[in-house]
Every structure is written in C-alpha cells, then in structure tokens.
Amino acid sequence: MAKSPQGFIVVLPGEIIEIAQDDDKSWLTLFYALPKELAEKFPAAMELPRCPYEVLRTDKYDHIVKNDMMKVLVWDSYSWAAWQFFQVKDRNGNYRDIPGNRPDYAGHSPIWQLSYAIIPYMRMKLESHGMGFQNLYNMPMGAEVPWLTYQQFGNLVGNLTDMIVAEQQWQPVIDAAWEMRAEEDYETKFSVVKNDFKRKWHHNRSGQHISLDQMMKNKDGDMMEIADPRQEFEQEIMGQDQIEAFKKATLTDKDQEILRLRMLGHTEQEIADLVGYKTASAVHKRIAKIASIYEDFVTGEYQKYLDGPNN
C-alpha cells in the first residue's frame, strides 16, 4: 500500500480507493488494534463487527464510525498508552517513566499534548507494519480481525512510541518540557507528585515560596546551596528495612538480581547474558522501570514522613 499526501491508498482488483486522513473511517486501523478492555469504554463500538468488510464498504455502521465518541475512544486510548512509554529524566539524570499517574498532570501541559500529537504518526506506522487499510480491505467477507491482548497492545504502542520519538527527534523536546515544567502543568487537585514538585520548585518542605530574605548566606557572603529535604530523607531517614521491604514486596527475583549485578559493576550486556535477556537494551529498559517504581516508592514514603505527627 502507498500513502499519498491526501490520504491512504488501497489497490483492489479493478479499483483504487482513497481514504482521506480527515475521514472518520481513517481511524479504523487504530480501532481494530485496540484490546477489548479499552474498546468497551465506548459500548457502541462493540457493535462494530470484527469483520471489517461491511464497515469499510458500506454505510451500515457509519452511525458508529462517525460518532465523535468513537474518535475520542481511539484518541484517548492511544494517548494514554503512549504516555506510559514517554521517558523523562530523574534528579540523577537517568531516564525513567513519568512519575505518578497521568491524571496528576494538566491536559494543557506540553507532554500531555505530545501524547495526542503522536497519534497520527502511529496511524501512519500501522500502514507499513501489516495493520493498515490495505490489509483490512484484503480480508474477505466473514474473516475477523482478532482482538489484541492488553500485553500485545502495550508492546505495539511501546514499540511505535519509541520509534516515533526517535525518528521525530522528540526526546530533546520531552526533556525540555520536563525540565521547565511549572506548577500549572499539574492538575489542581492534590497529588503526591504535584506536592513533591512544589517542594522542589519552591525549595522547602511546605511547598511555599522562599523569599530572598530567607536565603542564608555563609560567612564569605556567598549564597549557600539549599539542601533538597527529600534527598536528605532518602539518605538519612528512610531505613534500610524499608528499602529491603520494598525490594521483597515489589521486585521479582530477576529484578533483584539485575540490581545486584549492576551494583557490582557489570555492564548491561553482561547482565543480559547472565539473567537471560536477549539484548542490553532490554536490561536498560528494565533498570529504568525499576528506578521509576523506586522513585514512586520514595515519594510515597516521603509524603508519609511529611504528614507524620512530628512534621
């Protein structure tokens, strides 16, 4: 199948069909790649047959395909899924998943907007990955598109997201958006990640601004560096027992072995060979995932500490 500037081209015996990119049916390839658990969020979508023959060739199901909620279902599902695979830097400069939950962040924040901007690129990618309109039109009457499992959908979106971010050179954009985020990028309701950001932004535990008068100077008249209380908590207050409990309750035996080997100085390729991963990249992604889980754990423990009776 070829792609024209105007839309998607399907070549059939004696016929050439073009689906414009702004046509309601142009989102059907993404819909048919959704897992059932997400498609069910819009009950009418479940009335679409898994055989796309009539859906594509007749107007019998146009009342569903043209329903705005159908597009909302597709867009929200893929935006939410892509968000899970965006990578941001932690305070040590290592890449990790975006901390907290997506609803913690405001819809107008740059990274949130990027999670929607990526969707047309995903639609284009399906055309060259055996899941495009040519494939749907080639299916005979009675043949059905199987439901992807949640895991298969996650693998698909994860691979597409990594590919598009790399090809479009979006990682520096994500880095800049994350580095320059402001309080307005978070939802107005309370959340641990928002409160943690406010403490970092305002440099104190209460999340309130520190005035210049409050800034202490050392004996030489130089500004003293303001300590990060969260980091102090992690290093000095949070006990080893808590960390060990986190490992046992959260990490698999393989994850713990990866951490042990990494702390011993093994390279990611050496770890991959030792624990049975195919590539060093797989180990790198797993370490980033573990770091993300640990970051959320520390944030939660810090919040409990701040909410304690002595603070």
C-alpha atoms as a PDB file:
ATOM      1  CA  MET A   1       0.000   0.000   0.000  1.00  0.00           C
ATOM      2  CA  ALA A   2       1.186   3.515  -0.820  1.00  0.00           C
ATOM      3  CA  LYS A   3       0.396   6.676   1.062  1.00  0.00           C
ATOM      4  CA  SER A   4      -0.485   9.853  -0.788  1.00  0.00           C
ATOM      5  CA  PRO A   5      -0.392  13.372   0.657  1.00  0.00           C
ATOM      6  CA  GLN A   6      -4.195  13.344   0.694  1.00  0.00           C
ATOM      7  CA  GLY A   7      -4.817  10.033   2.400  1.00  0.00           C
ATOM      8  CA  PHE A   8      -4.432   6.281   2.392  1.00  0.00           C
ATOM      9  CA  ILE A   9      -4.486   4.429  -0.931  1.00  0.00           C
ATOM     10  CA  VAL A  10      -5.862   0.903  -1.260  1.00  0.00           C
ATOM     11  CA  VAL A  11      -5.370  -1.014  -4.501  1.00  0.00           C
ATOM     12  CA  LEU A  12      -8.004  -3.651  -5.276  1.00  0.00           C
ATOM     13  CA  PRO A  13      -8.717  -5.589  -8.491  1.00  0.00           C
ATOM     14  CA  GLY A  14     -10.161  -3.010 -10.889  1.00  0.00           C
ATOM     15  CA  GLU A  15     -10.453  -0.363  -8.197  1.00  0.00           C
ATOM     16  CA  ILE A  16      -8.350   2.161  -6.278  1.00  0.00           C
ATOM     17  CA  ILE A  17      -9.766   3.517  -3.034  1.00  0.00           C
ATOM     18  CA  GLU A  18      -8.515   6.557  -1.161  1.00  0.00           C
ATOM     19  CA  ILE A  19      -9.365   7.209   2.497  1.00  0.00           C
ATOM     20  CA  ALA A  20      -8.754  10.845   3.345  1.00  0.00           C
ATOM     21  CA  GLN A  21      -6.775  11.477   6.505  1.00  0.00           C
ATOM     22  CA  ASP A  22      -9.640  13.521   7.945  1.00  0.00           C
ATOM     23  CA  ASP A  23     -12.255  10.894   7.075  1.00  0.00           C
ATOM     24  CA  ASP A  24     -13.976   9.356  10.102  1.00  0.00           C
ATOM     25  CA  LYS A  25     -13.075   5.918   8.758  1.00  0.00           C
ATOM     26  CA  SER A  26      -9.378   6.831   8.721  1.00  0.00           C
ATOM     27  CA  TRP A  27      -9.177   5.910  12.430  1.00  0.00           C
ATOM     28  CA  LEU A  28     -10.436   2.354  11.926  1.00  0.00           C
ATOM     29  CA  THR A  29      -6.946   0.830  11.677  1.00  0.00           C
ATOM     30  CA  LEU A  30      -6.176   2.159  15.156  1.00  0.00           C
ATOM     31  CA  PHE A  31      -9.554   0.991  16.440  1.00  0.00           C
ATOM     32  CA  TYR A  32      -9.046  -2.569  15.222  1.00  0.00           C
ATOM     33  CA  ALA A  33      -5.718  -2.677  17.081  1.00  0.00           C
ATOM     34  CA  LEU A  34      -7.325  -1.819  20.446  1.00  0.00           C
ATOM     35  CA  PRO A  35      -7.729  -4.514  23.092  1.00  0.00           C
ATOM     36  CA  LYS A  36     -11.293  -5.381  24.012  1.00  0.00           C
ATOM     37  CA  GLU A  37     -10.871  -3.895  27.506  1.00  0.00           C
ATOM     38  CA  LEU A  38     -10.370  -0.416  26.026  1.00  0.00           C
ATOM     39  CA  ALA A  39     -12.900  -0.697  23.198  1.00  0.00           C
ATOM     40  CA  GLU A  40     -15.581  -1.480  25.788  1.00  0.00           C
ATOM     41  CA  LYS A  41     -15.194   2.052  27.188  1.00  0.00           C
ATOM     42  CA  PHE A  42     -17.468   3.148  24.316  1.00  0.00           C
ATOM     43  CA  PRO A  43     -20.187   0.435  24.296  1.00  0.00           C
ATOM     44  CA  ALA A  44     -21.441   1.325  20.811  1.00  0.00           C
ATOM     45  CA  ALA A  45     -18.009   0.456  19.420  1.00  0.00           C
ATOM     46  CA  MET A  46     -18.615  -3.151  20.422  1.00  0.00           C
ATOM     47  CA  GLU A  47     -21.386  -3.260  17.803  1.00  0.00           C
ATOM     48  CA  LEU A  48     -18.801  -2.913  15.028  1.00  0.00           C
ATOM     49  CA  PRO A  49     -18.174  -6.381  13.592  1.00  0.00           C
ATOM     50  CA  ARG A  50     -14.638  -7.708  13.800  1.00  0.00           C
ATOM     51  CA  CYS A  51     -15.008  -8.435  10.105  1.00  0.00           C
ATOM     52  CA  PRO A  52     -14.231  -5.027   8.558  1.00  0.00           C
ATOM     53  CA  TYR A  53     -15.715  -5.898   5.149  1.00  0.00           C
ATOM     54  CA  GLU A  54     -19.075  -4.128   5.586  1.00  0.00           C
ATOM     55  CA  VAL A  55     -17.693  -1.444   7.885  1.00  0.00           C
ATOM     56  CA  LEU A  56     -15.360  -0.257   5.148  1.00  0.00           C
ATOM     57  CA  ARG A  57     -17.506  -0.829   2.056  1.00  0.00           C
ATOM     58  CA  THR A  58     -20.968   0.282   3.200  1.00  0.00           C
ATOM     59  CA  ASP A  59     -22.564   2.989   5.327  1.00  0.00           C
ATOM     60  CA  LYS A  60     -24.300   0.415   7.531  1.00  0.00           C
ATOM     61  CA  TYR A  61     -22.111   1.251  10.525  1.00  0.00           C
ATOM     62  CA  ASP A  62     -21.459   4.918   9.783  1.00  0.00           C
ATOM     63  CA  HIS A  63     -23.651   5.982  12.721  1.00  0.00           C
ATOM     64  CA  ILE A  64     -20.980   4.461  14.984  1.00  0.00           C
ATOM     65  CA  VAL A  65     -17.885   5.297  12.952  1.00  0.00           C
ATOM     66  CA  LYS A  66     -18.934   8.949  12.589  1.00  0.00           C
ATOM     67  CA  ASN A  67     -19.874   9.312  16.257  1.00  0.00           C
ATOM     68  CA  ASP A  68     -17.470  11.761  17.920  1.00  0.00           C
ATOM     69  CA  MET A  69     -17.166   9.407  20.881  1.00  0.00           C
ATOM     70  CA  MET A  70     -15.624   6.837  18.541  1.00  0.00           C
ATOM     71  CA  LYS A  71     -12.752   9.213  17.797  1.00  0.00           C
ATOM     72  CA  VAL A  72     -12.477  10.134  21.484  1.00  0.00           C
ATOM     73  CA  LEU A  73     -12.172   6.430  22.310  1.00  0.00           C
ATOM     74  CA  VAL A  74      -9.334   5.950  19.818  1.00  0.00           C
ATOM     75  CA  TRP A  75      -7.504   9.175  20.625  1.00  0.00           C
ATOM     76  CA  ASP A  76      -7.750   8.827  24.402  1.00  0.00           C
ATOM     77  CA  SER A  77      -6.715   5.158  24.323  1.00  0.00           C
ATOM     78  CA  TYR A  78      -3.582   5.760  22.276  1.00  0.00           C
ATOM     79  CA  SER A  79      -2.688   8.987  24.078  1.00  0.00           C
ATOM     80  CA  TRP A  80      -2.956   7.225  27.430  1.00  0.00           C
ATOM     81  CA  ALA A  81      -0.913   4.280  26.155  1.00  0.00           C
ATOM     82  CA  ALA A  82       1.824   6.443  24.589  1.00  0.00           C
ATOM     83  CA  TRP A  83       2.143   8.374  27.859  1.00  0.00           C
ATOM     84  CA  GLN A  84       3.203   5.168  29.608  1.00  0.00           C
ATOM     85  CA  PHE A  85       6.253   4.925  27.347  1.00  0.00           C
ATOM     86  CA  PHE A  86       7.482   8.525  27.366  1.00  0.00           C
ATOM     87  CA  GLN A  87      10.765   8.803  29.248  1.00  0.00           C
ATOM     88  CA  VAL A  88      11.853  11.718  31.455  1.00  0.00           C
ATOM     89  CA  LYS A  89      14.977  12.290  33.496  1.00  0.00           C
ATOM     90  CA  ASP A  90      15.064  11.790  37.251  1.00  0.00           C
ATOM     91  CA  ARG A  91      17.093  14.054  39.546  1.00  0.00           C
ATOM     92  CA  ASN A  92      20.220  11.987  38.787  1.00  0.00           C
ATOM     93  CA  GLY A  93      19.835  12.382  35.026  1.00  0.00           C
ATOM     94  CA  ASN A  94      18.661   8.808  34.386  1.00  0.00           C
ATOM     95  CA  TYR A  95      15.672   8.163  32.152  1.00  0.00           C
ATOM     96  CA  ARG A  96      12.544   6.763  33.769  1.00  0.00           C
ATOM     97  CA  ASP A  97       8.790   6.569  33.223  1.00  0.00           C
ATOM     98  CA  ILE A  98       6.824   9.725  34.016  1.00  0.00           C
ATOM     99  CA  PRO A  99       6.213   9.544  37.789  1.00  0.00           C
ATOM    100  CA  GLY A 100       2.743   9.256  39.261  1.00  0.00           C
ATOM    101  CA  ASN A 101      -0.444   8.800  37.296  1.00  0.00           C
ATOM    102  CA  ARG A 102      -1.460  10.595  34.105  1.00  0.00           C
ATOM    103  CA  PRO A 103      -4.441  12.359  35.768  1.00  0.00           C
ATOM    104  CA  ASP A 104      -1.926  14.083  38.077  1.00  0.00           C
ATOM    105  CA  TYR A 105      -0.933  16.261  35.102  1.00  0.00           C
ATOM    106  CA  ALA A 106      -2.915  19.050  33.427  1.00  0.00           C
ATOM    107  CA  GLY A 107      -4.287  18.500  29.929  1.00  0.00           C
ATOM    108  CA  HIS A 108      -2.546  21.614  28.623  1.00  0.00           C
ATOM    109  CA  SER A 109       0.921  20.500  29.748  1.00  0.00           C
ATOM    110  CA  PRO A 110       3.358  20.063  26.812  1.00  0.00           C
ATOM    111  CA  ILE A 111       3.968  16.342  27.338  1.00  0.00           C
ATOM    112  CA  TRP A 112       0.232  15.681  27.619  1.00  0.00           C
ATOM    113  CA  GLN A 113      -0.252  17.496  24.304  1.00  0.00           C
ATOM    114  CA  LEU A 114       2.560  15.469  22.762  1.00  0.00           C
ATOM    115  CA  SER A 115       0.775  12.251  23.730  1.00  0.00           C
ATOM    116  CA  TYR A 116      -2.026  13.277  21.350  1.00  0.00           C
ATOM    117  CA  ALA A 117       0.270  14.668  18.660  1.00  0.00           C
ATOM    118  CA  ILE A 118       1.869  11.225  18.315  1.00  0.00           C
ATOM    119  CA  ILE A 119      -1.399   9.522  17.285  1.00  0.00           C
ATOM    120  CA  PRO A 120      -1.398  10.438  13.545  1.00  0.00           C
ATOM    121  CA  TYR A 121       2.190   9.166  13.361  1.00  0.00           C
ATOM    122  CA  MET A 122       1.039   5.853  14.868  1.00  0.00           C
ATOM    123  CA  ARG A 123      -1.719   5.620  12.290  1.00  0.00           C
ATOM    124  CA  MET A 124       0.868   6.091   9.548  1.00  0.00           C
ATOM    125  CA  LYS A 125       3.144   3.455  11.090  1.00  0.00           C
ATOM    126  CA  LEU A 126       0.390   0.830  11.039  1.00  0.00           C
ATOM    127  CA  GLU A 127       0.288   1.155   7.256  1.00  0.00           C
ATOM    128  CA  SER A 128       3.822  -0.222   6.997  1.00  0.00           C
ATOM    129  CA  HIS A 129       3.500  -2.804   9.777  1.00  0.00           C
ATOM    130  CA  GLY A 130       0.876  -5.108   8.297  1.00  0.00           C
ATOM    131  CA  MET A 131      -2.065  -3.481  10.081  1.00  0.00           C
ATOM    132  CA  GLY A 132      -3.067  -0.815   7.548  1.00  0.00           C
ATOM    133  CA  PHE A 133      -6.062  -0.250   5.303  1.00  0.00           C
ATOM    134  CA  GLN A 134      -4.718  -2.470   2.524  1.00  0.00           C
ATOM    135  CA  ASN A 135      -4.713  -5.370   4.975  1.00  0.00           C
ATOM    136  CA  LEU A 136      -8.252  -4.596   6.209  1.00  0.00           C
ATOM    137  CA  TYR A 137      -9.631  -4.336   2.658  1.00  0.00           C
ATOM    138  CA  ASN A 138      -7.923  -7.582   1.667  1.00  0.00           C
ATOM    139  CA  MET A 139      -9.850  -9.502   4.325  1.00  0.00           C
ATOM    140  CA  PRO A 140     -12.697 -11.470   2.721  1.00  0.00           C
ATOM    141  CA  MET A 141     -16.279 -11.468   3.922  1.00  0.00           C
ATOM    142  CA  GLY A 142     -16.502 -13.432   7.160  1.00  0.00           C
ATOM    143  CA  ALA A 143     -12.835 -13.075   8.136  1.00  0.00           C
ATOM    144  CA  GLU A 144     -12.401 -11.346  11.509  1.00  0.00           C
ATOM    145  CA  VAL A 145      -9.676  -9.197  12.997  1.00  0.00           C
ATOM    146  CA  PRO A 146      -8.658 -10.894  16.261  1.00  0.00           C
ATOM    147  CA  TRP A 147      -8.628  -8.832  19.438  1.00  0.00           C
ATOM    148  CA  LEU A 148      -5.173  -7.909  20.646  1.00  0.00           C
ATOM    149  CA  THR A 149      -4.495  -8.728  24.262  1.00  0.00           C
ATOM    150  CA  TYR A 150      -3.607  -5.923  26.648  1.00  0.00           C
ATOM    151  CA  GLN A 151       0.002  -7.106  26.560  1.00  0.00           C
ATOM    152  CA  GLN A 152       0.105  -7.207  22.768  1.00  0.00           C
ATOM    153  CA  PHE A 153      -1.385  -3.714  22.590  1.00  0.00           C
ATOM    154  CA  GLY A 154       1.172  -2.451  25.090  1.00  0.00           C
ATOM    155  CA  ASN A 155       4.012  -3.988  23.084  1.00  0.00           C
ATOM    156  CA  LEU A 156       2.657  -2.438  19.881  1.00  0.00           C
ATOM    157  CA  VAL A 157       2.267   1.069  21.306  1.00  0.00           C
ATOM    158  CA  GLY A 158       5.576   0.832  23.166  1.00  0.00           C
ATOM    159  CA  ASN A 159       7.452  -0.068  20.001  1.00  0.00           C
ATOM    160  CA  LEU A 160       5.675   2.600  17.954  1.00  0.00           C
ATOM    161  CA  THR A 161       6.273   5.267  20.593  1.00  0.00           C
ATOM    162  CA  ASP A 162       9.996   4.505  20.826  1.00  0.00           C
ATOM    163  CA  MET A 163      10.261   4.514  17.037  1.00  0.00           C
ATOM    164  CA  ILE A 164       8.395   7.797  16.532  1.00  0.00           C
ATOM    165  CA  VAL A 165      10.140   9.640  19.359  1.00  0.00           C
ATOM    166  CA  ALA A 166      13.485   8.639  17.828  1.00  0.00           C
ATOM    167  CA  GLU A 167      12.538   9.401  14.221  1.00  0.00           C
ATOM    168  CA  GLN A 168      10.929  12.755  15.008  1.00  0.00           C
ATOM    169  CA  GLN A 169      13.732  13.632  17.465  1.00  0.00           C
ATOM    170  CA  TRP A 170      11.213  14.357  20.201  1.00  0.00           C
ATOM    171  CA  GLN A 171      13.324  13.301  23.179  1.00  0.00           C
ATOM    172  CA  PRO A 172      15.021  16.732  23.492  1.00  0.00           C
ATOM    173  CA  VAL A 173      11.544  18.289  23.359  1.00  0.00           C
ATOM    174  CA  ILE A 174      10.336  15.998  26.144  1.00  0.00           C
ATOM    175  CA  ASP A 175      13.499  16.704  28.147  1.00  0.00           C
ATOM    176  CA  ALA A 176      12.996  20.464  27.836  1.00  0.00           C
ATOM    177  CA  ALA A 177       9.292  20.255  28.707  1.00  0.00           C
ATOM    178  CA  TRP A 178      10.075  18.162  31.778  1.00  0.00           C
ATOM    179  CA  GLU A 179      12.975  20.357  32.892  1.00  0.00           C
ATOM    180  CA  MET A 180      10.959  23.561  32.501  1.00  0.00           C
ATOM    181  CA  ARG A 181       7.633  22.326  33.887  1.00  0.00           C
ATOM    182  CA  ALA A 182       5.706  24.644  36.174  1.00  0.00           C
ATOM    183  CA  GLU A 183       3.036  24.188  38.800  1.00  0.00           C
ATOM    184  CA  GLU A 184       0.401  24.874  36.139  1.00  0.00           C
ATOM    185  CA  ASP A 185       1.430  21.634  34.389  1.00  0.00           C
ATOM    186  CA  TYR A 186      -0.163  19.688  37.245  1.00  0.00           C
ATOM    187  CA  GLU A 187      -3.833  19.170  37.993  1.00  0.00           C
ATOM    188  CA  THR A 188      -5.348  21.446  40.635  1.00  0.00           C
ATOM    189  CA  LYS A 189      -6.256  18.565  42.939  1.00  0.00           C
ATOM    190  CA  PHE A 190      -3.723  17.282  45.460  1.00  0.00           C
ATOM    191  CA  SER A 191      -1.337  14.577  44.369  1.00  0.00           C
ATOM    192  CA  VAL A 192       1.946  13.283  45.729  1.00  0.00           C
ATOM    193  CA  VAL A 193       3.842  14.077  42.514  1.00  0.00           C
ATOM    194  CA  LYS A 194       2.465  17.620  42.420  1.00  0.00           C
ATOM    195  CA  ASN A 195       3.351  18.209  46.074  1.00  0.00           C
ATOM    196  CA  ASP A 196       6.820  16.761  45.517  1.00  0.00           C
ATOM    197  CA  PHE A 197       7.316  19.043  42.522  1.00  0.00           C
ATOM    198  CA  LYS A 198       6.183  22.068  44.540  1.00  0.00           C
ATOM    199  CA  ARG A 199       8.739  21.294  47.241  1.00  0.00           C
ATOM    200  CA  LYS A 200      11.487  21.089  44.615  1.00  0.00           C
ATOM    201  CA  TRP A 201      10.223  24.195  42.840  1.00  0.00           C
ATOM    202  CA  HIS A 202       9.992  26.305  45.994  1.00  0.00           C
ATOM    203  CA  HIS A 203      12.907  24.592  47.741  1.00  0.00           C
ATOM    204  CA  ASN A 204      11.173  23.842  51.019  1.00  0.00           C
ATOM    205  CA  ARG A 205       9.022  21.159  52.581  1.00  0.00           C
ATOM    206  CA  SER A 206       5.792  23.112  52.808  1.00  0.00           C
ATOM    207  CA  GLY A 207       5.608  23.897  49.100  1.00  0.00           C
ATOM    208  CA  GLN A 208       5.604  27.670  49.772  1.00  0.00           C
ATOM    209  CA  HIS A 209       7.833  30.278  48.164  1.00  0.00           C
ATOM    210  CA  ILE A 210      11.117  31.146  49.890  1.00  0.00           C
ATOM    211  CA  SER A 211      11.902  34.834  49.695  1.00  0.00           C
ATOM    212  CA  LEU A 212      15.354  36.251  49.106  1.00  0.00           C
ATOM    213  CA  ASP A 213      15.388  37.369  52.734  1.00  0.00           C
ATOM    214  CA  GLN A 214      15.097  33.752  53.756  1.00  0.00           C
ATOM    215  CA  MET A 215      18.107  32.744  51.722  1.00  0.00           C
ATOM    216  CA  MET A 216      21.005  32.168  54.082  1.00  0.00           C
ATOM    217  CA  LYS A 217      24.493  33.389  53.262  1.00  0.00           C
ATOM    218  CA  ASN A 218      27.704  31.829  54.504  1.00  0.00           C
ATOM    219  CA  LYS A 219      30.463  33.734  56.245  1.00  0.00           C
ATOM    220  CA  ASP A 220      32.034  34.695  52.906  1.00  0.00           C
ATOM    221  CA  GLY A 221      28.799  36.279  51.739  1.00  0.00           C
ATOM    222  CA  ASP A 222      28.121  33.598  49.136  1.00  0.00           C
ATOM    223  CA  MET A 223      24.725  32.057  48.729  1.00  0.00           C
ATOM    224  CA  MET A 224      24.521  28.725  50.462  1.00  0.00           C
ATOM    225  CA  GLU A 225      23.157  25.863  48.446  1.00  0.00           C
ATOM    226  CA  ILE A 226      19.712  24.906  49.695  1.00  0.00           C
ATOM    227  CA  ALA A 227      19.573  21.248  50.562  1.00  0.00           C
ATOM    228  CA  ASP A 228      16.958  19.029  48.990  1.00  0.00           C
ATOM    229  CA  PRO A 229      14.988  17.732  52.017  1.00  0.00           C
ATOM    230  CA  ARG A 230      13.624  14.818  50.009  1.00  0.00           C
ATOM    231  CA  GLN A 231      17.133  13.655  49.179  1.00  0.00           C
ATOM    232  CA  GLU A 232      18.145  14.054  52.829  1.00  0.00           C
ATOM    233  CA  PHE A 233      15.128  11.976  53.820  1.00  0.00           C
ATOM    234  CA  GLU A 234      16.101   9.213  51.385  1.00  0.00           C
ATOM    235  CA  GLN A 235      19.736   9.167  52.515  1.00  0.00           C
ATOM    236  CA  GLU A 236      19.403   9.752  56.259  1.00  0.00           C
ATOM    237  CA  ILE A 237      15.893   8.955  57.497  1.00  0.00           C
ATOM    238  CA  MET A 238      14.441   6.190  55.375  1.00  0.00           C
ATOM    239  CA  GLY A 239      15.709   2.995  56.921  1.00  0.00           C
ATOM    240  CA  GLN A 240      17.350   0.025  55.223  1.00  0.00           C
ATOM    241  CA  ASP A 241      14.458  -2.098  56.471  1.00  0.00           C
ATOM    242  CA  GLN A 242      12.057  -0.015  54.378  1.00  0.00           C
ATOM    243  CA  ILE A 243      14.241  -0.422  51.311  1.00  0.00           C
ATOM    244  CA  GLU A 244      14.546  -4.175  51.809  1.00  0.00           C
ATOM    245  CA  ALA A 245      10.779  -4.418  52.317  1.00  0.00           C
ATOM    246  CA  PHE A 246      10.311  -2.534  49.047  1.00  0.00           C
ATOM    247  CA  LYS A 247      12.573  -4.988  47.222  1.00  0.00           C
ATOM    248  CA  LYS A 248      10.814  -8.065  48.561  1.00  0.00           C
ATOM    249  CA  ALA A 249       7.287  -6.723  48.049  1.00  0.00           C
ATOM    250  CA  THR A 250       7.784  -5.082  44.652  1.00  0.00           C
ATOM    251  CA  LEU A 251      10.689  -6.618  42.757  1.00  0.00           C
ATOM    252  CA  THR A 252      10.897 -10.076  41.244  1.00  0.00           C
ATOM    253  CA  ASP A 253      13.890 -12.296  41.923  1.00  0.00           C
ATOM    254  CA  LYS A 254      15.199 -11.419  38.462  1.00  0.00           C
ATOM    255  CA  ASP A 255      14.839  -7.675  39.139  1.00  0.00           C
ATOM    256  CA  GLN A 256      16.758  -8.038  42.403  1.00  0.00           C
ATOM    257  CA  GLU A 257      19.473  -9.976  40.609  1.00  0.00           C
ATOM    258  CA  ILE A 258      19.717  -7.248  37.944  1.00  0.00           C
ATOM    259  CA  LEU A 259      20.199  -4.630  40.667  1.00  0.00           C
ATOM    260  CA  ARG A 260      22.767  -6.746  42.474  1.00  0.00           C
ATOM    261  CA  LEU A 261      24.787  -7.284  39.299  1.00  0.00           C
ATOM    262  CA  ARG A 262      24.562  -3.608  38.383  1.00  0.00           C
ATOM    263  CA  MET A 263      25.844  -2.590  41.817  1.00  0.00           C
ATOM    264  CA  LEU A 264      28.752  -4.985  41.332  1.00  0.00           C
ATOM    265  CA  GLY A 265      29.711  -3.025  38.231  1.00  0.00           C
ATOM    266  CA  HIS A 266      28.552  -5.374  35.477  1.00  0.00           C
ATOM    267  CA  THR A 267      27.662  -3.824  32.121  1.00  0.00           C
ATOM    268  CA  GLU A 268      24.114  -4.067  30.818  1.00  0.00           C
ATOM    269  CA  GLN A 269      25.219  -6.579  28.168  1.00  0.00           C
ATOM    270  CA  GLU A 270      26.894  -8.743  30.823  1.00  0.00           C
ATOM    271  CA  ILE A 271      23.717  -8.600  32.903  1.00  0.00           C
ATOM    272  CA  ALA A 272      21.628  -9.554  29.859  1.00  0.00           C
ATOM    273  CA  ASP A 273      23.819 -12.626  29.315  1.00  0.00           C
ATOM    274  CA  LEU A 274      23.670 -13.612  32.981  1.00  0.00           C
ATOM    275  CA  VAL A 275      19.915 -13.237  33.584  1.00  0.00           C
ATOM    276  CA  GLY A 276      18.706 -14.407  30.173  1.00  0.00           C
ATOM    277  CA  TYR A 277      17.694 -11.209  28.374  1.00  0.00           C
ATOM    278  CA  LYS A 278      18.359 -11.104  24.639  1.00  0.00           C
ATOM    279  CA  THR A 279      19.778  -7.578  24.498  1.00  0.00           C
ATOM    280  CA  ALA A 280      21.424  -4.941  26.663  1.00  0.00           C
ATOM    281  CA  SER A 281      18.601  -2.608  25.635  1.00  0.00           C
ATOM    282  CA  ALA A 282      16.097  -4.868  27.407  1.00  0.00           C
ATOM    283  CA  VAL A 283      18.165  -4.654  30.586  1.00  0.00           C
ATOM    284  CA  HIS A 284      18.421  -0.871  30.249  1.00  0.00           C
ATOM    285  CA  LYS A 285      14.635  -0.554  29.959  1.00  0.00           C
ATOM    286  CA  ARG A 286      14.113  -2.860  32.931  1.00  0.00           C
ATOM    287  CA  ILE A 287      16.535  -0.852  35.089  1.00  0.00           C
ATOM    288  CA  ALA A 288      14.694   2.334  34.083  1.00  0.00           C
ATOM    289  CA  LYS A 289      11.398   0.699  35.071  1.00  0.00           C
ATOM    290  CA  ILE A 290      12.796  -0.389  38.443  1.00  0.00           C
ATOM    291  CA  ALA A 291      14.128   3.134  39.009  1.00  0.00           C
ATOM    292  CA  SER A 292      10.699   4.552  38.212  1.00  0.00           C
ATOM    293  CA  ILE A 293       8.998   2.199  40.679  1.00  0.00           C
ATOM    294  CA  TYR A 294      11.575   3.044  43.350  1.00  0.00           C
ATOM    295  CA  GLU A 295      11.180   6.788  42.745  1.00  0.00           C
ATOM    296  CA  ASP A 296       7.426   6.485  43.324  1.00  0.00           C
ATOM    297  CA  PHE A 297       8.095   4.442  46.464  1.00  0.00           C
ATOM    298  CA  VAL A 298      10.444   7.071  47.911  1.00  0.00           C
ATOM    299  CA  THR A 299       7.988   9.842  47.042  1.00  0.00           C
ATOM    300  CA  GLY A 300       5.220   7.980  48.851  1.00  0.00           C
ATOM    301  CA  GLU A 301       7.379   7.313  51.915  1.00  0.00           C
ATOM    302  CA  TYR A 302       8.458  10.961  51.972  1.00  0.00           C
ATOM    303  CA  GLN A 303       4.846  12.099  51.886  1.00  0.00           C
ATOM    304  CA  LYS A 304       4.066   9.842  54.846  1.00  0.00           C
ATOM    305  CA  TYR A 305       7.023  11.348  56.670  1.00  0.00           C
ATOM    306  CA  LEU A 306       5.836  14.911  55.990  1.00  0.00           C
ATOM    307  CA  ASP A 307       2.322  14.042  57.123  1.00  0.00           C
ATOM    308  CA  GLY A 308       3.611  12.493  60.357  1.00  0.00           C
ATOM    309  CA  PRO A 309       2.804  13.998  63.777  1.00  0.00           C
ATOM    310  CA  ASN A 310       6.329  15.369  64.270  1.00  0.00           C
ATOM    311  CA  ASN A 311       6.448  17.281  60.981  1.00  0.00           C
END
